[in-house]
Amino acid sequence: MAPYPLQMNAPQFPISPLLPQIQQHLAVHSRLVLEAPPGAGKTTQVPLALLDAPWLEGRRIILLEPRRVAARSAAMFMARQLGEEVGGIVGYRIRFENKVSARTRIEVVTEGILTRMLQDDPMLETVARSCSMNSTSATSVATWAWRWRWTCSRSCAMTCGCW
């Protein structure tokens, strides 16, 4: 039996051919809206593709998931692709559970956790990107970005196209 964490080869997702275009667009523009069906790779492939972006400047990517199970699963899948345990480069924070470290660069959170983060640090200066995965979350991020005039950030609203 292989030792954990077992590194897996990144499977080919429908969004994979578009990742270079997404990277190029976000290098120039601060916002991007992706719409793709479930399973396309929006949640698990886009954040990993953006890790080496120069505009990140050492800041974190916050990935907003609507439910705790989805947040935990997305973080585990991304960490596994990197051959790491959750809490390394990829971590998550949900109610009553925190798997992040000083090394964490992609942090998957629920809306309640994001609300708490905003209350503690309204400008979220250590965050370079916010990604939301559904229309409600996208509205939350958009409202927050507008309210705080968060112009130094880049935001990426990703929806599954199923309303």
N, C-alpha and C. Protein backbone atom coordinates (compact mmCIF):
# COMPACT_ATOMS: atom_id res chain seq x y z
N MET A 1 0.85 -1.18 0.00
CA MET A 1 0.00 0.00 0.00
C MET A 1 0.90 1.24 0.00
N ALA A 2 0.57 2.20 -0.82
CA ALA A 2 1.38 3.42 -0.96
C ALA A 2 1.20 4.32 0.26
N PRO A 3 2.28 4.99 0.68
CA PRO A 3 2.16 5.90 1.82
C PRO A 3 1.33 7.13 1.45
N TYR A 4 0.66 7.66 2.45
CA TYR A 4 -0.11 8.89 2.25
C TYR A 4 0.82 10.06 2.48
N PRO A 5 0.75 11.15 1.80
CA PRO A 5 -0.21 11.41 0.74
C PRO A 5 0.26 10.83 -0.58
N LEU A 6 -0.64 10.27 -1.28
CA LEU A 6 -0.37 9.69 -2.58
C LEU A 6 -0.52 10.78 -3.62
N GLN A 7 0.56 11.06 -4.33
CA GLN A 7 0.46 12.09 -5.37
C GLN A 7 -0.23 11.48 -6.58
N MET A 8 -1.14 12.22 -7.12
CA MET A 8 -1.85 11.73 -8.29
C MET A 8 -1.52 12.61 -9.48
N ASN A 9 -1.53 12.04 -10.64
CA ASN A 9 -1.36 12.83 -11.84
C ASN A 9 -2.64 13.62 -12.05
N ALA A 10 -2.47 14.88 -12.42
CA ALA A 10 -3.65 15.72 -12.63
C ALA A 10 -4.45 15.16 -13.80
N PRO A 11 -5.68 14.76 -13.54
CA PRO A 11 -6.50 14.27 -14.64
C PRO A 11 -6.82 15.40 -15.61
N GLN A 12 -7.14 15.05 -16.81
CA GLN A 12 -7.47 16.06 -17.80
C GLN A 12 -8.92 16.49 -17.57
N PHE A 13 -9.11 17.78 -17.36
CA PHE A 13 -10.44 18.35 -17.16
C PHE A 13 -10.82 19.18 -18.37
N PRO A 14 -12.10 19.38 -18.62
CA PRO A 14 -12.52 20.21 -19.75
C PRO A 14 -11.92 21.62 -19.72
N ILE A 15 -11.64 22.15 -18.54
CA ILE A 15 -11.11 23.51 -18.45
C ILE A 15 -9.61 23.58 -18.71
N SER A 16 -8.93 22.45 -18.69
CA SER A 16 -7.47 22.41 -18.83
C SER A 16 -6.92 23.18 -20.03
N PRO A 17 -7.49 23.04 -21.23
CA PRO A 17 -6.94 23.80 -22.37
C PRO A 17 -7.11 25.31 -22.23
N LEU A 18 -8.03 25.75 -21.38
CA LEU A 18 -8.28 27.18 -21.21
C LEU A 18 -7.42 27.82 -20.12
N LEU A 19 -6.71 27.03 -19.34
CA LEU A 19 -5.95 27.58 -18.22
C LEU A 19 -4.92 28.64 -18.64
N PRO A 20 -4.18 28.46 -19.74
CA PRO A 20 -3.26 29.53 -20.15
C PRO A 20 -3.98 30.85 -20.46
N GLN A 21 -5.15 30.76 -21.09
CA GLN A 21 -5.92 31.98 -21.39
C GLN A 21 -6.42 32.64 -20.11
N ILE A 22 -6.83 31.83 -19.15
CA ILE A 22 -7.29 32.37 -17.86
C ILE A 22 -6.14 33.09 -17.17
N GLN A 23 -4.96 32.47 -17.17
CA GLN A 23 -3.78 33.09 -16.56
C GLN A 23 -3.44 34.42 -17.25
N GLN A 24 -3.46 34.43 -18.58
CA GLN A 24 -3.14 35.65 -19.34
C GLN A 24 -4.17 36.74 -19.05
N HIS A 25 -5.43 36.38 -19.04
CA HIS A 25 -6.48 37.37 -18.80
C HIS A 25 -6.32 38.01 -17.42
N LEU A 26 -6.10 37.19 -16.40
CA LEU A 26 -6.00 37.71 -15.04
C LEU A 26 -4.69 38.45 -14.79
N ALA A 27 -3.71 38.26 -15.64
CA ALA A 27 -2.47 39.05 -15.52
C ALA A 27 -2.72 40.49 -15.93
N VAL A 28 -3.72 40.71 -16.79
CA VAL A 28 -4.01 42.04 -17.31
C VAL A 28 -5.25 42.65 -16.66
N HIS A 29 -6.28 41.83 -16.46
CA HIS A 29 -7.56 42.32 -15.95
C HIS A 29 -7.78 41.81 -14.53
N SER A 30 -8.53 42.57 -13.75
CA SER A 30 -8.72 42.19 -12.36
C SER A 30 -9.92 41.28 -12.12
N ARG A 31 -10.75 41.05 -13.11
CA ARG A 31 -11.93 40.23 -12.91
C ARG A 31 -12.15 39.29 -14.08
N LEU A 32 -12.73 38.15 -13.75
CA LEU A 32 -13.04 37.15 -14.76
C LEU A 32 -14.24 36.36 -14.29
N VAL A 33 -15.16 36.08 -15.18
CA VAL A 33 -16.31 35.23 -14.87
C VAL A 33 -16.20 34.00 -15.75
N LEU A 34 -16.18 32.84 -15.11
CA LEU A 34 -16.14 31.56 -15.82
C LEU A 34 -17.48 30.87 -15.63
N GLU A 35 -18.00 30.34 -16.68
CA GLU A 35 -19.22 29.55 -16.57
C GLU A 35 -18.97 28.23 -17.27
N ALA A 36 -19.11 27.16 -16.54
CA ALA A 36 -18.87 25.83 -17.08
C ALA A 36 -19.70 24.83 -16.29
N PRO A 37 -20.00 23.69 -16.90
CA PRO A 37 -20.80 22.70 -16.20
C PRO A 37 -20.05 22.09 -15.02
N PRO A 38 -20.77 21.46 -14.10
CA PRO A 38 -20.12 20.79 -12.97
C PRO A 38 -19.11 19.76 -13.48
N GLY A 39 -17.98 19.67 -12.79
CA GLY A 39 -16.96 18.70 -13.18
C GLY A 39 -15.96 19.21 -14.19
N ALA A 40 -16.09 20.47 -14.61
CA ALA A 40 -15.19 21.03 -15.62
C ALA A 40 -13.80 21.34 -15.06
N GLY A 41 -13.68 21.50 -13.76
CA GLY A 41 -12.39 21.79 -13.15
C GLY A 41 -12.25 23.21 -12.63
N LYS A 42 -13.35 23.93 -12.54
CA LYS A 42 -13.29 25.33 -12.06
C LYS A 42 -12.75 25.39 -10.64
N THR A 43 -13.24 24.54 -9.78
CA THR A 43 -12.87 24.58 -8.37
C THR A 43 -11.45 24.10 -8.12
N THR A 44 -11.07 23.00 -8.74
CA THR A 44 -9.81 22.36 -8.38
C THR A 44 -8.65 22.65 -9.32
N GLN A 45 -8.90 23.12 -10.51
CA GLN A 45 -7.80 23.33 -11.46
C GLN A 45 -7.39 24.78 -11.60
N VAL A 46 -8.35 25.69 -11.58
CA VAL A 46 -8.02 27.11 -11.75
C VAL A 46 -7.14 27.64 -10.62
N PRO A 47 -7.49 27.41 -9.34
CA PRO A 47 -6.61 27.92 -8.27
C PRO A 47 -5.18 27.36 -8.36
N LEU A 48 -5.05 26.07 -8.68
CA LEU A 48 -3.71 25.48 -8.79
C LEU A 48 -2.94 26.11 -9.95
N ALA A 49 -3.63 26.41 -11.04
CA ALA A 49 -2.96 27.02 -12.20
C ALA A 49 -2.49 28.44 -11.90
N LEU A 50 -3.12 29.09 -10.93
CA LEU A 50 -2.77 30.48 -10.63
C LEU A 50 -1.70 30.63 -9.54
N LEU A 51 -1.27 29.53 -8.94
CA LEU A 51 -0.32 29.60 -7.83
C LEU A 51 0.98 30.35 -8.16
N ASP A 52 1.47 30.22 -9.38
CA ASP A 52 2.75 30.84 -9.75
C ASP A 52 2.58 32.20 -10.42
N ALA A 53 1.39 32.74 -10.42
CA ALA A 53 1.15 34.04 -11.06
C ALA A 53 1.95 35.13 -10.36
N PRO A 54 2.68 35.96 -11.12
CA PRO A 54 3.51 36.99 -10.51
C PRO A 54 2.71 38.00 -9.68
N TRP A 55 1.48 38.28 -10.07
CA TRP A 55 0.69 39.28 -9.35
C TRP A 55 0.22 38.80 -7.99
N LEU A 56 0.38 37.50 -7.70
CA LEU A 56 0.01 37.02 -6.36
C LEU A 56 0.91 37.62 -5.29
N GLU A 57 2.18 37.80 -5.61
CA GLU A 57 3.13 38.44 -4.70
C GLU A 57 3.10 37.84 -3.29
N GLY A 58 3.05 36.51 -3.22
CA GLY A 58 3.08 35.85 -1.91
C GLY A 58 1.76 35.82 -1.17
N ARG A 59 0.73 36.41 -1.73
CA ARG A 59 -0.57 36.43 -1.04
C ARG A 59 -1.35 35.14 -1.33
N ARG A 60 -2.44 34.96 -0.59
CA ARG A 60 -3.23 33.74 -0.70
C ARG A 60 -4.36 33.87 -1.71
N ILE A 61 -4.82 32.73 -2.15
CA ILE A 61 -6.04 32.62 -2.95
C ILE A 61 -7.11 32.10 -2.01
N ILE A 62 -8.23 32.80 -1.95
CA ILE A 62 -9.37 32.35 -1.15
C ILE A 62 -10.40 31.76 -2.11
N LEU A 63 -10.78 30.54 -1.86
CA LEU A 63 -11.77 29.85 -2.67
C LEU A 63 -13.02 29.68 -1.82
N LEU A 64 -14.11 30.25 -2.26
CA LEU A 64 -15.35 30.26 -1.49
C LEU A 64 -16.25 29.12 -1.94
N GLU A 65 -16.58 28.25 -1.01
CA GLU A 65 -17.48 27.12 -1.28
C GLU A 65 -18.72 27.26 -0.40
N PRO A 66 -19.88 26.88 -0.91
CA PRO A 66 -21.11 27.10 -0.15
C PRO A 66 -21.31 26.15 1.03
N ARG A 67 -20.71 24.96 0.99
CA ARG A 67 -20.95 24.00 2.05
C ARG A 67 -19.64 23.43 2.59
N ARG A 68 -19.70 23.00 3.85
CA ARG A 68 -18.49 22.47 4.51
C ARG A 68 -17.93 21.24 3.82
N VAL A 69 -18.80 20.32 3.42
CA VAL A 69 -18.33 19.09 2.76
C VAL A 69 -17.63 19.45 1.45
N ALA A 70 -18.20 20.38 0.70
CA ALA A 70 -17.59 20.78 -0.57
C ALA A 70 -16.24 21.45 -0.33
N ALA A 71 -16.13 22.27 0.69
CA ALA A 71 -14.87 22.95 1.00
C ALA A 71 -13.80 21.93 1.36
N ARG A 72 -14.14 21.02 2.23
CA ARG A 72 -13.18 19.99 2.66
C ARG A 72 -12.76 19.12 1.48
N SER A 73 -13.71 18.69 0.67
CA SER A 73 -13.42 17.81 -0.47
C SER A 73 -12.54 18.50 -1.51
N ALA A 74 -12.84 19.75 -1.82
CA ALA A 74 -12.04 20.49 -2.81
C ALA A 74 -10.61 20.64 -2.32
N ALA A 75 -10.43 20.98 -1.05
CA ALA A 75 -9.08 21.14 -0.50
C ALA A 75 -8.32 19.82 -0.54
N MET A 76 -8.98 18.75 -0.17
CA MET A 76 -8.33 17.44 -0.17
C MET A 76 -7.92 17.02 -1.58
N PHE A 77 -8.79 17.25 -2.55
CA PHE A 77 -8.48 16.88 -3.93
C PHE A 77 -7.30 17.68 -4.46
N MET A 78 -7.28 19.00 -4.22
CA MET A 78 -6.17 19.82 -4.70
C MET A 78 -4.86 19.44 -4.01
N ALA A 79 -4.90 19.21 -2.70
CA ALA A 79 -3.69 18.83 -1.97
C ALA A 79 -3.15 17.50 -2.50
N ARG A 80 -4.04 16.58 -2.77
CA ARG A 80 -3.64 15.28 -3.29
C ARG A 80 -2.97 15.41 -4.65
N GLN A 81 -3.46 16.32 -5.48
CA GLN A 81 -2.82 16.53 -6.78
C GLN A 81 -1.40 17.04 -6.64
N LEU A 82 -1.14 17.77 -5.55
CA LEU A 82 0.20 18.29 -5.29
C LEU A 82 1.07 17.30 -4.51
N GLY A 83 0.48 16.17 -4.11
CA GLY A 83 1.22 15.18 -3.34
C GLY A 83 1.44 15.60 -1.91
N GLU A 84 0.54 16.40 -1.37
CA GLU A 84 0.66 16.91 -0.01
C GLU A 84 -0.58 16.56 0.80
N GLU A 85 -0.44 16.75 2.10
CA GLU A 85 -1.60 16.64 2.97
C GLU A 85 -2.28 18.00 3.03
N VAL A 86 -3.55 17.99 3.36
CA VAL A 86 -4.29 19.24 3.54
C VAL A 86 -3.65 20.01 4.69
N GLY A 87 -3.50 21.32 4.51
CA GLY A 87 -2.88 22.15 5.52
C GLY A 87 -1.52 22.64 5.08
N GLY A 88 -1.02 22.09 3.98
CA GLY A 88 0.24 22.56 3.40
C GLY A 88 -0.06 23.73 2.47
N ILE A 89 0.21 23.55 1.19
CA ILE A 89 -0.07 24.61 0.21
C ILE A 89 -1.57 24.85 0.10
N VAL A 90 -2.34 23.79 0.22
CA VAL A 90 -3.80 23.90 0.14
C VAL A 90 -4.39 23.56 1.51
N GLY A 91 -5.26 24.44 1.99
CA GLY A 91 -5.91 24.20 3.27
C GLY A 91 -7.37 24.63 3.21
N TYR A 92 -8.05 24.44 4.31
CA TYR A 92 -9.44 24.88 4.38
C TYR A 92 -9.78 25.32 5.79
N ARG A 93 -10.78 26.18 5.86
CA ARG A 93 -11.35 26.61 7.14
C ARG A 93 -12.86 26.52 7.02
N ILE A 94 -13.43 25.74 7.89
CA ILE A 94 -14.88 25.63 7.96
C ILE A 94 -15.25 25.74 9.44
N ARG A 95 -16.53 25.78 9.72
CA ARG A 95 -16.96 25.91 11.11
C ARG A 95 -16.42 24.75 11.94
N PHE A 96 -15.76 25.07 13.04
CA PHE A 96 -15.19 24.11 13.98
C PHE A 96 -14.01 23.32 13.45
N GLU A 97 -13.48 23.66 12.28
CA GLU A 97 -12.35 22.91 11.74
C GLU A 97 -11.43 23.84 10.95
N ASN A 98 -10.13 23.75 11.23
CA ASN A 98 -9.16 24.64 10.61
C ASN A 98 -7.95 23.81 10.20
N LYS A 99 -7.71 23.69 8.89
CA LYS A 99 -6.55 22.95 8.38
C LYS A 99 -5.74 23.88 7.49
N VAL A 100 -5.13 24.89 8.08
CA VAL A 100 -4.26 25.82 7.35
C VAL A 100 -2.96 25.96 8.14
N SER A 101 -1.94 26.45 7.47
CA SER A 101 -0.65 26.68 8.12
C SER A 101 -0.04 27.94 7.52
N ALA A 102 1.14 28.27 7.96
CA ALA A 102 1.85 29.43 7.40
C ALA A 102 2.19 29.20 5.93
N ARG A 103 2.27 27.94 5.50
CA ARG A 103 2.57 27.60 4.10
C ARG A 103 1.35 27.68 3.18
N THR A 104 0.16 27.75 3.74
CA THR A 104 -1.06 27.67 2.94
C THR A 104 -1.17 28.84 1.98
N ARG A 105 -1.36 28.54 0.70
CA ARG A 105 -1.50 29.57 -0.33
C ARG A 105 -2.88 29.54 -0.97
N ILE A 106 -3.56 28.41 -0.91
CA ILE A 106 -4.94 28.30 -1.37
C ILE A 106 -5.76 27.90 -0.15
N GLU A 107 -6.71 28.74 0.20
CA GLU A 107 -7.53 28.48 1.39
C GLU A 107 -8.99 28.40 0.96
N VAL A 108 -9.58 27.24 1.17
CA VAL A 108 -10.98 27.02 0.82
C VAL A 108 -11.80 27.33 2.07
N VAL A 109 -12.77 28.23 1.94
CA VAL A 109 -13.58 28.66 3.08
C VAL A 109 -15.06 28.64 2.72
N THR A 110 -15.88 28.61 3.75
CA THR A 110 -17.32 28.75 3.55
C THR A 110 -17.70 30.22 3.71
N GLU A 111 -18.92 30.56 3.37
CA GLU A 111 -19.35 31.95 3.45
C GLU A 111 -19.29 32.51 4.86
N GLY A 112 -19.61 31.69 5.85
CA GLY A 112 -19.54 32.15 7.23
C GLY A 112 -18.12 32.51 7.64
N ILE A 113 -17.16 31.72 7.20
CA ILE A 113 -15.75 32.00 7.50
C ILE A 113 -15.30 33.26 6.79
N LEU A 114 -15.71 33.43 5.53
CA LEU A 114 -15.35 34.66 4.80
C LEU A 114 -15.93 35.89 5.51
N THR A 115 -17.14 35.78 5.99
CA THR A 115 -17.75 36.90 6.72
C THR A 115 -16.92 37.25 7.95
N ARG A 116 -16.47 36.24 8.68
CA ARG A 116 -15.64 36.46 9.86
C ARG A 116 -14.30 37.09 9.46
N MET A 117 -13.72 36.62 8.36
CA MET A 117 -12.45 37.18 7.88
C MET A 117 -12.62 38.66 7.55
N LEU A 118 -13.74 39.01 6.94
CA LEU A 118 -14.00 40.41 6.57
C LEU A 118 -14.22 41.27 7.81
N GLN A 119 -14.83 40.71 8.83
CA GLN A 119 -15.02 41.46 10.07
C GLN A 119 -13.69 41.74 10.75
N ASP A 120 -12.79 40.77 10.69
CA ASP A 120 -11.48 40.92 11.33
C ASP A 120 -10.53 41.80 10.53
N ASP A 121 -10.60 41.73 9.20
CA ASP A 121 -9.70 42.48 8.32
C ASP A 121 -10.48 42.87 7.07
N PRO A 122 -11.21 43.99 7.10
CA PRO A 122 -12.09 44.37 5.99
C PRO A 122 -11.40 44.47 4.63
N MET A 123 -10.12 44.76 4.58
CA MET A 123 -9.42 44.88 3.30
C MET A 123 -8.77 43.58 2.86
N LEU A 124 -8.73 42.59 3.72
CA LEU A 124 -8.10 41.30 3.44
C LEU A 124 -6.79 41.49 2.67
N GLU A 125 -5.89 42.20 3.28
CA GLU A 125 -4.65 42.58 2.60
C GLU A 125 -3.73 41.42 2.28
N THR A 126 -3.90 40.27 2.94
CA THR A 126 -3.05 39.12 2.64
C THR A 126 -3.64 38.24 1.56
N VAL A 127 -4.77 38.65 1.00
CA VAL A 127 -5.45 37.85 -0.01
C VAL A 127 -5.26 38.49 -1.38
N ALA A 128 -4.87 37.69 -2.35
CA ALA A 128 -4.67 38.21 -3.70
C ALA A 128 -5.86 37.92 -4.60
N ARG A 129 -6.58 36.89 -4.33
CA ARG A 129 -7.65 36.49 -5.21
C ARG A 129 -8.77 35.89 -4.41
N SER A 130 -9.96 36.14 -4.87
CA SER A 130 -11.11 35.45 -4.30
C SER A 130 -11.83 34.76 -5.44
N CYS A 131 -12.20 33.54 -5.22
CA CYS A 131 -12.93 32.79 -6.22
C CYS A 131 -14.21 32.28 -5.57
N SER A 132 -15.31 32.48 -6.22
CA SER A 132 -16.56 31.96 -5.68
C SER A 132 -17.15 30.98 -6.67
N MET A 133 -17.88 30.04 -6.16
CA MET A 133 -18.29 28.93 -6.99
C MET A 133 -19.76 28.88 -7.36
N ASN A 134 -20.58 29.79 -6.89
CA ASN A 134 -21.98 29.77 -7.28
C ASN A 134 -22.50 31.20 -7.30
N SER A 135 -23.72 31.38 -7.77
CA SER A 135 -24.23 32.73 -7.96
C SER A 135 -24.38 33.48 -6.63
N THR A 136 -24.77 32.80 -5.56
CA THR A 136 -24.90 33.47 -4.27
C THR A 136 -23.54 33.91 -3.76
N SER A 137 -22.56 33.02 -3.84
CA SER A 137 -21.21 33.35 -3.40
C SER A 137 -20.61 34.45 -4.26
N ALA A 138 -20.86 34.39 -5.56
CA ALA A 138 -20.34 35.42 -6.46
C ALA A 138 -20.89 36.78 -6.08
N THR A 139 -22.16 36.82 -5.70
CA THR A 139 -22.76 38.07 -5.26
C THR A 139 -22.10 38.56 -3.98
N SER A 140 -21.80 37.64 -3.07
CA SER A 140 -21.13 38.02 -1.82
C SER A 140 -19.77 38.65 -2.10
N VAL A 141 -18.99 38.01 -2.95
CA VAL A 141 -17.65 38.52 -3.27
C VAL A 141 -17.75 39.85 -4.00
N ALA A 142 -18.67 39.96 -4.95
CA ALA A 142 -18.82 41.21 -5.71
C ALA A 142 -19.23 42.36 -4.79
N THR A 143 -20.17 42.10 -3.89
CA THR A 143 -20.61 43.13 -2.95
C THR A 143 -19.46 43.56 -2.06
N TRP A 144 -18.72 42.60 -1.57
CA TRP A 144 -17.58 42.90 -0.70
C TRP A 144 -16.52 43.70 -1.45
N ALA A 145 -16.21 43.29 -2.68
CA ALA A 145 -15.18 44.00 -3.46
C ALA A 145 -15.63 45.43 -3.75
N TRP A 146 -16.90 45.62 -4.07
CA TRP A 146 -17.39 46.96 -4.37
C TRP A 146 -17.39 47.82 -3.10
N ARG A 147 -17.87 47.24 -2.01
CA ARG A 147 -17.99 48.02 -0.78
C ARG A 147 -16.64 48.51 -0.29
N TRP A 148 -15.66 47.69 -0.36
CA TRP A 148 -14.34 48.04 0.17
C TRP A 148 -13.41 48.56 -0.91
N ARG A 149 -13.91 48.69 -2.14
CA ARG A 149 -13.10 49.20 -3.25
C ARG A 149 -11.78 48.43 -3.32
N TRP A 150 -11.90 47.15 -3.35
CA TRP A 150 -10.76 46.25 -3.28
C TRP A 150 -10.10 46.16 -4.65
N THR A 151 -9.51 47.24 -5.07
CA THR A 151 -8.97 47.32 -6.42
C THR A 151 -7.63 46.61 -6.58
N CYS A 152 -6.93 46.36 -5.50
CA CYS A 152 -5.63 45.71 -5.62
C CYS A 152 -5.78 44.21 -5.85
N SER A 153 -6.98 43.70 -5.73
CA SER A 153 -7.18 42.26 -5.84
C SER A 153 -7.65 41.87 -7.24
N ARG A 154 -7.70 40.62 -7.42
CA ARG A 154 -8.29 40.07 -8.63
C ARG A 154 -9.38 39.11 -8.15
N SER A 155 -10.52 39.16 -8.77
CA SER A 155 -11.58 38.24 -8.35
C SER A 155 -12.05 37.45 -9.55
N CYS A 156 -12.46 36.25 -9.27
CA CYS A 156 -12.85 35.34 -10.32
C CYS A 156 -14.13 34.65 -9.87
N ALA A 157 -15.23 34.99 -10.48
CA ALA A 157 -16.49 34.34 -10.13
C ALA A 157 -16.68 33.17 -11.08
N MET A 158 -16.86 32.00 -10.53
CA MET A 158 -17.03 30.81 -11.36
C MET A 158 -18.37 30.19 -11.03
N THR A 159 -19.18 29.99 -12.02
CA THR A 159 -20.48 29.38 -11.78
C THR A 159 -20.62 28.11 -12.58
N CYS A 160 -21.49 27.25 -12.11
CA CYS A 160 -21.66 25.97 -12.81
C CYS A 160 -22.70 26.08 -13.91
N GLY A 161 -23.38 27.17 -14.00
CA GLY A 161 -24.38 27.32 -15.05
C GLY A 161 -25.71 26.69 -14.69
N CYS A 162 -25.83 26.10 -13.52
CA CYS A 162 -27.12 25.54 -13.09
C CYS A 162 -27.67 26.43 -12.01
N TRP A 163 -28.67 27.14 -12.29
CA TRP A 163 -29.24 28.08 -11.33
C TRP A 163 -30.34 27.37 -10.65
